[in-house]
Each structure stands twice: as C-alpha cells, then as structure tokens.
Amino acid sequence: YFSKSLNREELKSVLESQTDQVDQEEMDALKSLLELKDLTVEDILIPINEVISIKKSDDKLPVNIEKNIFYPVFNNDENEILGFIHSKEVEQFRNLKTDIDDFLIDPYYVPESTSLFSQLKQFQKQGNEVGMVVDEYGNFIGLVTLEDLIEQIIGRLNQDEEELGILLNEDLSITADGSTSIRELNKHMSWKIPEDGAKTLSGFVIDHIDHFPKGNICITIEGYQIETTKVSENFIDEVKVSRI
C-alpha cells in the first residue's frame, strides 16, 4: 500500500480515509504532527504584550500566580532578559526573601522563523521547557513553551470558547479578543479565515486595511465579516466575526 513515498498532503488524505481504524483524536494528532515542519515558532508564540515580566530590582512580584507559567526576569532593559522563574518558584522566592538569581533558569533564545519540528527536537536535546523568541534584529517578541508545542500536536483537552478568548453569540457570530489566534479559531469553528499572513485577528484587520484604525470599522473578506468593537491606542482589543 505504501510502495511509493508519500508527501504530507497525501499522508493526510490516507489518514482521513482510515476513520474506521483511527479515532478522531488520534487522527487529528497525527495530522498536526505532519504539519510541524510547515509551522514556525511565530505561529504559536505568546506575544510580548501578553507576557508578564519581572524587573530584578523591583520587589513587586505578580500578585495572582498562574499555574505552570514562566516569568522572564530582566535587568533594566526588557530586552536584557537574565532568565526565567517558574510560577511554582515565585512563592518560594517570596517567602525566603533570597536573591532571585538562585531561582533563575538560564535564558534560551529561539529565532521566530524556527520550524516547530526543529524546535521540538531542540527542547528535547537541551532539556528546556521555555524559550525567548527573537526577531531578525534580536528583539524579544514573545515566548514559546514546550507545553504549547505539545498542545499544537495533541490539542488542548476540553478547551472551550472562554479559554480561546471567544464568545459564541445567538446569531452564530463570535466575539473574540484581538489577540485570538486565527489558526485556533479556524480549528474550533471549522472556519477558513486566511492564515497565510497575520497570526491574530487584530493583525488580520490591520494587514487588510494597511493602517491602524482610529475607531471601530467593519471589513468583509473571503466570506467573513469582521467588525472591531473595542480599539485602544495601539491595539484592537475585541472584534466580532461572522460567516456570511
């Protein structure tokens, strides 16, 4: 049956035809694994505007510590990352009142263009669970974690609309955070919003109109209507998306 070499698209077709032998979750995981060479770290990174950093000279630590989160620790410049402290270590540091250096994980730099397949191998080789994503100029643009990479393969278990940052409306439109991943939204809603450009809904709107909106706007592109509902000074905070 596999007498000739198959490319990734052909393998996906084979998987889809074997629904009686492979359950849906296993098939989705296998298809996601095949896509790792097509996707880059930029596709799944936690953008810098969502990263909570800690200044070494500042005694203030995050009040509400989220589970399994890495916090970058910087000196004076936020691009000058000294390392990471894990959420489980923050409480120990707070209680012991010792030098934060004792808890730091060394910084590990990852180019934004690195394929997810290569990054998975690097995480395994280096034994790291988090990396600092940098652009071609060396600027810190976000974080990539082993957890997020694995979730890309197996999916987020029991992930609902709230966790994705979306609200399903009665008219079957959705209200979503501007930072919502287009790729994740397409997967969840079985939509086909173009994924070849911007990674988030906010970026998608800005790319389409080629400037930052001064107020709320509405655009229609490839069968989808996207209306901005909350716009701040430098970010589209919320949008409403409808399939038309």
C-alpha atoms as a PDB file:
ATOM      1  CA  TYR A   1       0.000   0.000   0.000  1.00  0.00           C
ATOM      2  CA  PHE A   2       2.845   2.399   0.829  1.00  0.00           C
ATOM      3  CA  SER A   3       5.042   1.219  -2.065  1.00  0.00           C
ATOM      4  CA  LYS A   4       5.887   4.796  -3.026  1.00  0.00           C
ATOM      5  CA  SER A   5       6.961   7.747  -0.900  1.00  0.00           C
ATOM      6  CA  LEU A   6       4.027   9.948   0.098  1.00  0.00           C
ATOM      7  CA  ASN A   7       4.186  13.664   0.759  1.00  0.00           C
ATOM      8  CA  ARG A   8       2.495  15.228   3.794  1.00  0.00           C
ATOM      9  CA  GLU A   9      -0.729  16.098   1.953  1.00  0.00           C
ATOM     10  CA  GLU A  10      -1.044  12.539   0.636  1.00  0.00           C
ATOM     11  CA  LEU A  11      -0.460  11.148   4.121  1.00  0.00           C
ATOM     12  CA  LYS A  12      -3.213  13.402   5.492  1.00  0.00           C
ATOM     13  CA  SER A  13      -5.581  12.052   2.833  1.00  0.00           C
ATOM     14  CA  VAL A  14      -4.696   8.484   3.803  1.00  0.00           C
ATOM     15  CA  LEU A  15      -5.377   9.265   7.467  1.00  0.00           C
ATOM     16  CA  GLU A  16      -8.742  10.834   6.642  1.00  0.00           C
ATOM     17  CA  SER A  17      -9.750   7.724   4.693  1.00  0.00           C
ATOM     18  CA  GLN A  18      -8.982   5.426   7.633  1.00  0.00           C
ATOM     19  CA  THR A  19     -11.647   6.720  10.006  1.00  0.00           C
ATOM     20  CA  ASP A  20     -12.733   3.184  10.897  1.00  0.00           C
ATOM     21  CA  GLN A  21      -9.216   2.289  12.085  1.00  0.00           C
ATOM     22  CA  VAL A  22      -8.084   5.542  13.732  1.00  0.00           C
ATOM     23  CA  ASP A  23     -10.287   7.523  16.113  1.00  0.00           C
ATOM     24  CA  GLN A  24     -10.753  11.259  15.535  1.00  0.00           C
ATOM     25  CA  GLU A  25      -8.412  12.437  18.311  1.00  0.00           C
ATOM     26  CA  GLU A  26      -5.605  10.159  17.126  1.00  0.00           C
ATOM     27  CA  MET A  27      -6.118  11.256  13.525  1.00  0.00           C
ATOM     28  CA  ASP A  28      -6.045  14.957  14.475  1.00  0.00           C
ATOM     29  CA  ALA A  29      -2.831  14.410  16.459  1.00  0.00           C
ATOM     30  CA  LEU A  30      -1.160  12.608  13.555  1.00  0.00           C
ATOM     31  CA  LYS A  31      -2.198  15.340  11.108  1.00  0.00           C
ATOM     32  CA  SER A  32      -0.892  18.025  13.490  1.00  0.00           C
ATOM     33  CA  LEU A  33       2.409  16.162  13.749  1.00  0.00           C
ATOM     34  CA  LEU A  34       2.723  16.212   9.968  1.00  0.00           C
ATOM     35  CA  GLU A  35       2.191  19.995   9.991  1.00  0.00           C
ATOM     36  CA  LEU A  36       5.086  20.737  12.368  1.00  0.00           C
ATOM     37  CA  LYS A  37       7.534  21.347   9.517  1.00  0.00           C
ATOM     38  CA  ASP A  38       5.109  23.793   7.877  1.00  0.00           C
ATOM     39  CA  LEU A  39       4.609  25.899  11.017  1.00  0.00           C
ATOM     40  CA  THR A  40       7.102  28.133  12.792  1.00  0.00           C
ATOM     41  CA  VAL A  41       7.591  29.306  16.359  1.00  0.00           C
ATOM     42  CA  GLU A  42       5.944  32.582  15.331  1.00  0.00           C
ATOM     43  CA  ASP A  43       2.672  30.682  14.798  1.00  0.00           C
ATOM     44  CA  ILE A  44       2.314  29.634  18.454  1.00  0.00           C
ATOM     45  CA  LEU A  45       4.353  32.148  20.460  1.00  0.00           C
ATOM     46  CA  ILE A  46       2.927  34.043  23.413  1.00  0.00           C
ATOM     47  CA  PRO A  47       3.237  37.656  22.161  1.00  0.00           C
ATOM     48  CA  ILE A  48       5.268  40.086  24.232  1.00  0.00           C
ATOM     49  CA  ASN A  49       2.214  42.209  25.098  1.00  0.00           C
ATOM     50  CA  GLU A  50       0.765  39.172  26.920  1.00  0.00           C
ATOM     51  CA  VAL A  51       3.999  38.257  28.724  1.00  0.00           C
ATOM     52  CA  ILE A  52       4.264  39.291  32.381  1.00  0.00           C
ATOM     53  CA  SER A  53       7.891  40.174  33.127  1.00  0.00           C
ATOM     54  CA  ILE A  54       9.588  40.820  36.459  1.00  0.00           C
ATOM     55  CA  LYS A  55      12.200  43.532  36.957  1.00  0.00           C
ATOM     56  CA  LYS A  56      15.038  42.226  39.115  1.00  0.00           C
ATOM     57  CA  SER A  57      15.445  45.457  41.084  1.00  0.00           C
ATOM     58  CA  ASP A  58      11.700  45.678  41.729  1.00  0.00           C
ATOM     59  CA  ASP A  59      10.394  43.964  44.851  1.00  0.00           C
ATOM     60  CA  LYS A  60       6.915  43.669  43.339  1.00  0.00           C
ATOM     61  CA  LEU A  61       6.011  40.167  42.179  1.00  0.00           C
ATOM     62  CA  PRO A  62       2.821  39.082  40.390  1.00  0.00           C
ATOM     63  CA  VAL A  63       0.007  39.018  42.953  1.00  0.00           C
ATOM     64  CA  ASN A  64      -2.019  36.266  41.302  1.00  0.00           C
ATOM     65  CA  ILE A  65       0.377  33.497  40.326  1.00  0.00           C
ATOM     66  CA  GLU A  66      -0.893  31.376  37.445  1.00  0.00           C
ATOM     67  CA  LYS A  67      -0.004  27.697  37.387  1.00  0.00           C
ATOM     68  CA  ASN A  68       2.749  26.482  35.075  1.00  0.00           C
ATOM     69  CA  ILE A  69       3.800  29.929  33.851  1.00  0.00           C
ATOM     70  CA  PHE A  70       7.333  31.134  33.167  1.00  0.00           C
ATOM     71  CA  TYR A  71       8.071  34.761  34.058  1.00  0.00           C
ATOM     72  CA  PRO A  72      11.019  36.458  32.295  1.00  0.00           C
ATOM     73  CA  VAL A  73      13.247  38.398  34.699  1.00  0.00           C
ATOM     74  CA  PHE A  74      15.028  41.430  33.245  1.00  0.00           C
ATOM     75  CA  ASN A  75      17.594  43.913  34.492  1.00  0.00           C
ATOM     76  CA  ASN A  76      16.855  47.462  33.323  1.00  0.00           C
ATOM     77  CA  ASP A  77      16.012  46.912  29.669  1.00  0.00           C
ATOM     78  CA  GLU A  78      13.182  44.441  28.964  1.00  0.00           C
ATOM     79  CA  ASN A  79      15.268  43.071  26.083  1.00  0.00           C
ATOM     80  CA  GLU A  80      18.013  42.245  28.596  1.00  0.00           C
ATOM     81  CA  ILE A  81      16.496  39.048  29.985  1.00  0.00           C
ATOM     82  CA  LEU A  82      18.501  37.471  32.808  1.00  0.00           C
ATOM     83  CA  GLY A  83      16.477  34.266  32.858  1.00  0.00           C
ATOM     84  CA  PHE A  84      13.105  32.805  33.774  1.00  0.00           C
ATOM     85  CA  ILE A  85      11.459  31.989  37.074  1.00  0.00           C
ATOM     86  CA  HIS A  86       8.698  29.374  37.135  1.00  0.00           C
ATOM     87  CA  SER A  87       5.420  30.134  38.877  1.00  0.00           C
ATOM     88  CA  LYS A  88       5.999  27.376  41.439  1.00  0.00           C
ATOM     89  CA  GLU A  89       9.294  29.042  42.419  1.00  0.00           C
ATOM     90  CA  VAL A  90       7.812  32.524  42.837  1.00  0.00           C
ATOM     91  CA  GLU A  91       6.144  31.700  46.153  1.00  0.00           C
ATOM     92  CA  GLN A  92       9.372  30.156  47.480  1.00  0.00           C
ATOM     93  CA  PHE A  93      11.302  33.256  46.464  1.00  0.00           C
ATOM     94  CA  ARG A  94       8.675  35.481  48.076  1.00  0.00           C
ATOM     95  CA  ASN A  95       8.773  33.530  51.352  1.00  0.00           C
ATOM     96  CA  LEU A  96      12.546  33.042  51.595  1.00  0.00           C
ATOM     97  CA  LYS A  97      13.361  36.636  50.607  1.00  0.00           C
ATOM     98  CA  THR A  98      16.577  35.463  48.961  1.00  0.00           C
ATOM     99  CA  ASP A  99      18.307  36.525  45.739  1.00  0.00           C
ATOM    100  CA  ILE A 100      16.129  35.843  42.718  1.00  0.00           C
ATOM    101  CA  ASP A 101      19.243  34.664  40.849  1.00  0.00           C
ATOM    102  CA  ASP A 102      19.075  31.442  42.879  1.00  0.00           C
ATOM    103  CA  PHE A 103      15.817  30.544  41.139  1.00  0.00           C
ATOM    104  CA  LEU A 104      16.542  31.663  37.588  1.00  0.00           C
ATOM    105  CA  ILE A 105      16.534  29.349  34.588  1.00  0.00           C
ATOM    106  CA  ASP A 106      19.112  30.485  32.025  1.00  0.00           C
ATOM    107  CA  PRO A 107      17.665  32.335  29.015  1.00  0.00           C
ATOM    108  CA  TYR A 108      17.363  30.323  25.826  1.00  0.00           C
ATOM    109  CA  TYR A 109      16.953  32.184  22.533  1.00  0.00           C
ATOM    110  CA  VAL A 110      14.819  30.961  19.631  1.00  0.00           C
ATOM    111  CA  PRO A 111      14.586  32.645  16.188  1.00  0.00           C
ATOM    112  CA  GLU A 112      10.963  33.334  15.223  1.00  0.00           C
ATOM    113  CA  SER A 113      11.461  31.500  11.906  1.00  0.00           C
ATOM    114  CA  THR A 114      12.383  28.157  13.554  1.00  0.00           C
ATOM    115  CA  SER A 115      10.067  25.350  12.438  1.00  0.00           C
ATOM    116  CA  LEU A 116       8.046  23.678  15.186  1.00  0.00           C
ATOM    117  CA  PHE A 117       9.562  20.340  14.200  1.00  0.00           C
ATOM    118  CA  SER A 118      13.083  21.706  14.770  1.00  0.00           C
ATOM    119  CA  GLN A 119      12.044  23.427  17.992  1.00  0.00           C
ATOM    120  CA  LEU A 120      10.560  20.228  19.389  1.00  0.00           C
ATOM    121  CA  LYS A 121      13.878  18.481  18.765  1.00  0.00           C
ATOM    122  CA  GLN A 122      15.770  21.385  20.383  1.00  0.00           C
ATOM    123  CA  PHE A 123      13.595  21.284  23.501  1.00  0.00           C
ATOM    124  CA  GLN A 124      14.270  17.556  23.770  1.00  0.00           C
ATOM    125  CA  LYS A 125      18.001  17.978  23.176  1.00  0.00           C
ATOM    126  CA  GLN A 126      18.524  20.960  25.504  1.00  0.00           C
ATOM    127  CA  GLY A 127      16.091  19.855  28.202  1.00  0.00           C
ATOM    128  CA  ASN A 128      14.404  23.279  28.145  1.00  0.00           C
ATOM    129  CA  GLU A 129      10.701  23.994  28.528  1.00  0.00           C
ATOM    130  CA  VAL A 130      10.644  27.659  27.519  1.00  0.00           C
ATOM    131  CA  GLY A 131      12.462  29.843  25.033  1.00  0.00           C
ATOM    132  CA  MET A 132      12.724  33.563  24.304  1.00  0.00           C
ATOM    133  CA  VAL A 133      11.590  34.240  20.759  1.00  0.00           C
ATOM    134  CA  VAL A 134      13.602  36.945  18.989  1.00  0.00           C
ATOM    135  CA  ASP A 135      13.106  38.580  15.604  1.00  0.00           C
ATOM    136  CA  GLU A 136      15.767  39.065  12.937  1.00  0.00           C
ATOM    137  CA  TYR A 137      17.059  42.144  14.808  1.00  0.00           C
ATOM    138  CA  GLY A 138      17.455  40.267  18.083  1.00  0.00           C
ATOM    139  CA  ASN A 139      14.481  41.934  19.758  1.00  0.00           C
ATOM    140  CA  PHE A 140      12.456  39.926  22.283  1.00  0.00           C
ATOM    141  CA  ILE A 141       8.993  39.393  20.745  1.00  0.00           C
ATOM    142  CA  GLY A 142       7.492  36.636  22.897  1.00  0.00           C
ATOM    143  CA  LEU A 143       7.811  33.215  24.489  1.00  0.00           C
ATOM    144  CA  VAL A 144       7.484  29.679  23.180  1.00  0.00           C
ATOM    145  CA  THR A 145       6.928  26.813  25.604  1.00  0.00           C
ATOM    146  CA  LEU A 146       7.159  23.062  25.307  1.00  0.00           C
ATOM    147  CA  GLU A 147       3.621  22.849  26.681  1.00  0.00           C
ATOM    148  CA  ASP A 148       2.229  24.991  23.853  1.00  0.00           C
ATOM    149  CA  LEU A 149       4.162  22.981  21.279  1.00  0.00           C
ATOM    150  CA  ILE A 150       2.767  19.706  22.597  1.00  0.00           C
ATOM    151  CA  GLU A 151      -0.723  21.214  22.628  1.00  0.00           C
ATOM    152  CA  GLN A 152      -0.215  22.021  18.953  1.00  0.00           C
ATOM    153  CA  ILE A 153       0.121  18.277  18.341  1.00  0.00           C
ATOM    154  CA  ILE A 154      -2.491  16.772  20.648  1.00  0.00           C
ATOM    155  CA  GLY A 155      -4.833  19.731  21.030  1.00  0.00           C
ATOM    156  CA  ARG A 156      -5.968  21.399  24.224  1.00  0.00           C
ATOM    157  CA  LEU A 157      -8.028  18.942  26.199  1.00  0.00           C
ATOM    158  CA  ASN A 158     -11.552  20.171  26.936  1.00  0.00           C
ATOM    159  CA  GLN A 159     -10.723  23.635  25.618  1.00  0.00           C
ATOM    160  CA  ASP A 160     -13.847  25.762  25.432  1.00  0.00           C
ATOM    161  CA  GLU A 161     -14.708  29.156  23.939  1.00  0.00           C
ATOM    162  CA  GLU A 162     -13.788  31.046  27.109  1.00  0.00           C
ATOM    163  CA  GLU A 163     -10.275  29.586  27.135  1.00  0.00           C
ATOM    164  CA  LEU A 164      -9.853  30.558  23.490  1.00  0.00           C
ATOM    165  CA  GLY A 165     -10.955  34.101  24.278  1.00  0.00           C
ATOM    166  CA  ILE A 166     -14.171  33.891  22.239  1.00  0.00           C
ATOM    167  CA  LEU A 167     -17.888  34.197  22.972  1.00  0.00           C
ATOM    168  CA  LEU A 168     -20.429  32.464  20.728  1.00  0.00           C
ATOM    169  CA  ASN A 169     -23.377  34.788  20.034  1.00  0.00           C
ATOM    170  CA  GLU A 170     -27.012  33.816  19.360  1.00  0.00           C
ATOM    171  CA  ASP A 171     -26.688  34.771  15.674  1.00  0.00           C
ATOM    172  CA  LEU A 172     -23.745  32.297  15.378  1.00  0.00           C
ATOM    173  CA  SER A 173     -21.231  35.116  15.138  1.00  0.00           C
ATOM    174  CA  ILE A 174     -18.432  35.217  17.681  1.00  0.00           C
ATOM    175  CA  THR A 175     -16.975  37.993  19.805  1.00  0.00           C
ATOM    176  CA  ALA A 176     -13.251  37.490  20.290  1.00  0.00           C
ATOM    177  CA  ASP A 177     -10.164  39.064  21.799  1.00  0.00           C
ATOM    178  CA  GLY A 178      -7.978  40.780  19.213  1.00  0.00           C
ATOM    179  CA  SER A 179      -5.129  38.501  20.273  1.00  0.00           C
ATOM    180  CA  THR A 180      -7.097  35.356  19.355  1.00  0.00           C
ATOM    181  CA  SER A 181      -5.116  33.064  17.063  1.00  0.00           C
ATOM    182  CA  ILE A 182      -6.700  32.762  13.619  1.00  0.00           C
ATOM    183  CA  ARG A 183      -5.422  29.213  13.364  1.00  0.00           C
ATOM    184  CA  GLU A 184      -7.008  28.185  16.687  1.00  0.00           C
ATOM    185  CA  LEU A 185     -10.249  29.975  15.791  1.00  0.00           C
ATOM    186  CA  ASN A 186     -10.428  28.176  12.438  1.00  0.00           C
ATOM    187  CA  LYS A 187      -9.884  24.828  14.145  1.00  0.00           C
ATOM    188  CA  HIS A 188     -12.526  25.473  16.789  1.00  0.00           C
ATOM    189  CA  MET A 189     -15.191  26.903  14.457  1.00  0.00           C
ATOM    190  CA  SER A 190     -14.305  24.873  11.326  1.00  0.00           C
ATOM    191  CA  TRP A 191     -13.764  28.178   9.519  1.00  0.00           C
ATOM    192  CA  LYS A 192     -11.297  29.073   6.789  1.00  0.00           C
ATOM    193  CA  ILE A 193     -10.127  32.596   7.563  1.00  0.00           C
ATOM    194  CA  PRO A 194      -6.841  33.028   5.630  1.00  0.00           C
ATOM    195  CA  GLU A 195      -3.819  32.016   7.729  1.00  0.00           C
ATOM    196  CA  ASP A 196      -1.020  32.980   5.335  1.00  0.00           C
ATOM    197  CA  GLY A 197      -0.497  36.454   6.777  1.00  0.00           C
ATOM    198  CA  ALA A 198      -1.220  37.796  10.256  1.00  0.00           C
ATOM    199  CA  LYS A 199      -1.489  35.304  13.111  1.00  0.00           C
ATOM    200  CA  THR A 200      -4.135  37.100  15.188  1.00  0.00           C
ATOM    201  CA  LEU A 201      -7.478  38.755  14.465  1.00  0.00           C
ATOM    202  CA  SER A 202      -6.064  42.164  15.378  1.00  0.00           C
ATOM    203  CA  GLY A 203      -3.165  41.722  12.972  1.00  0.00           C
ATOM    204  CA  PHE A 204      -5.509  40.406  10.272  1.00  0.00           C
ATOM    205  CA  VAL A 205      -7.618  43.583  10.353  1.00  0.00           C
ATOM    206  CA  ILE A 206      -4.571  45.872  10.373  1.00  0.00           C
ATOM    207  CA  ASP A 207      -2.971  43.990   7.469  1.00  0.00           C
ATOM    208  CA  HIS A 208      -6.186  44.227   5.462  1.00  0.00           C
ATOM    209  CA  ILE A 209      -6.746  47.990   5.860  1.00  0.00           C
ATOM    210  CA  ASP A 210      -2.986  48.719   5.882  1.00  0.00           C
ATOM    211  CA  HIS A 211      -3.159  51.136   8.822  1.00  0.00           C
ATOM    212  CA  PHE A 212      -4.229  51.224  12.462  1.00  0.00           C
ATOM    213  CA  PRO A 213      -7.937  52.101  12.806  1.00  0.00           C
ATOM    214  CA  LYS A 214      -8.790  55.268  14.714  1.00  0.00           C
ATOM    215  CA  GLY A 215     -12.212  53.909  15.615  1.00  0.00           C
ATOM    216  CA  ASN A 216     -14.428  50.910  15.035  1.00  0.00           C
ATOM    217  CA  ILE A 217     -14.588  49.615  11.466  1.00  0.00           C
ATOM    218  CA  CYS A 218     -16.124  46.690   9.590  1.00  0.00           C
ATOM    219  CA  ILE A 219     -14.464  44.717   6.786  1.00  0.00           C
ATOM    220  CA  THR A 220     -15.568  41.793   4.643  1.00  0.00           C
ATOM    221  CA  ILE A 221     -13.027  39.376   3.227  1.00  0.00           C
ATOM    222  CA  GLU A 222     -13.328  35.892   1.730  1.00  0.00           C
ATOM    223  CA  GLY A 223     -16.748  35.177   3.173  1.00  0.00           C
ATOM    224  CA  TYR A 224     -16.175  36.609   6.661  1.00  0.00           C
ATOM    225  CA  GLN A 225     -17.306  39.910   8.165  1.00  0.00           C
ATOM    226  CA  ILE A 226     -15.026  41.275  10.864  1.00  0.00           C
ATOM    227  CA  GLU A 227     -16.136  44.253  12.937  1.00  0.00           C
ATOM    228  CA  THR A 228     -13.938  45.900  15.540  1.00  0.00           C
ATOM    229  CA  THR A 229     -15.856  46.572  18.760  1.00  0.00           C
ATOM    230  CA  LYS A 230     -13.081  47.797  21.074  1.00  0.00           C
ATOM    231  CA  VAL A 231      -9.999  49.670  19.893  1.00  0.00           C
ATOM    232  CA  SER A 232      -7.340  51.073  22.222  1.00  0.00           C
ATOM    233  CA  GLU A 233      -4.442  53.374  21.366  1.00  0.00           C
ATOM    234  CA  ASN A 234      -2.218  50.737  19.773  1.00  0.00           C
ATOM    235  CA  PHE A 235      -4.214  47.500  19.691  1.00  0.00           C
ATOM    236  CA  ILE A 236      -7.547  46.116  18.516  1.00  0.00           C
ATOM    237  CA  ASP A 237      -8.869  44.663  21.762  1.00  0.00           C
ATOM    238  CA  GLU A 238     -12.069  42.999  20.576  1.00  0.00           C
ATOM    239  CA  VAL A 239     -13.743  42.022  17.306  1.00  0.00           C
ATOM    240  CA  LYS A 240     -16.986  40.446  16.158  1.00  0.00           C
ATOM    241  CA  VAL A 241     -16.653  37.849  13.394  1.00  0.00           C
ATOM    242  CA  SER A 242     -19.485  36.474  11.257  1.00  0.00           C
ATOM    243  CA  ARG A 243     -19.506  33.953   8.450  1.00  0.00           C
ATOM    244  CA  ILE A 244     -21.519  35.314   5.507  1.00  0.00           C
END
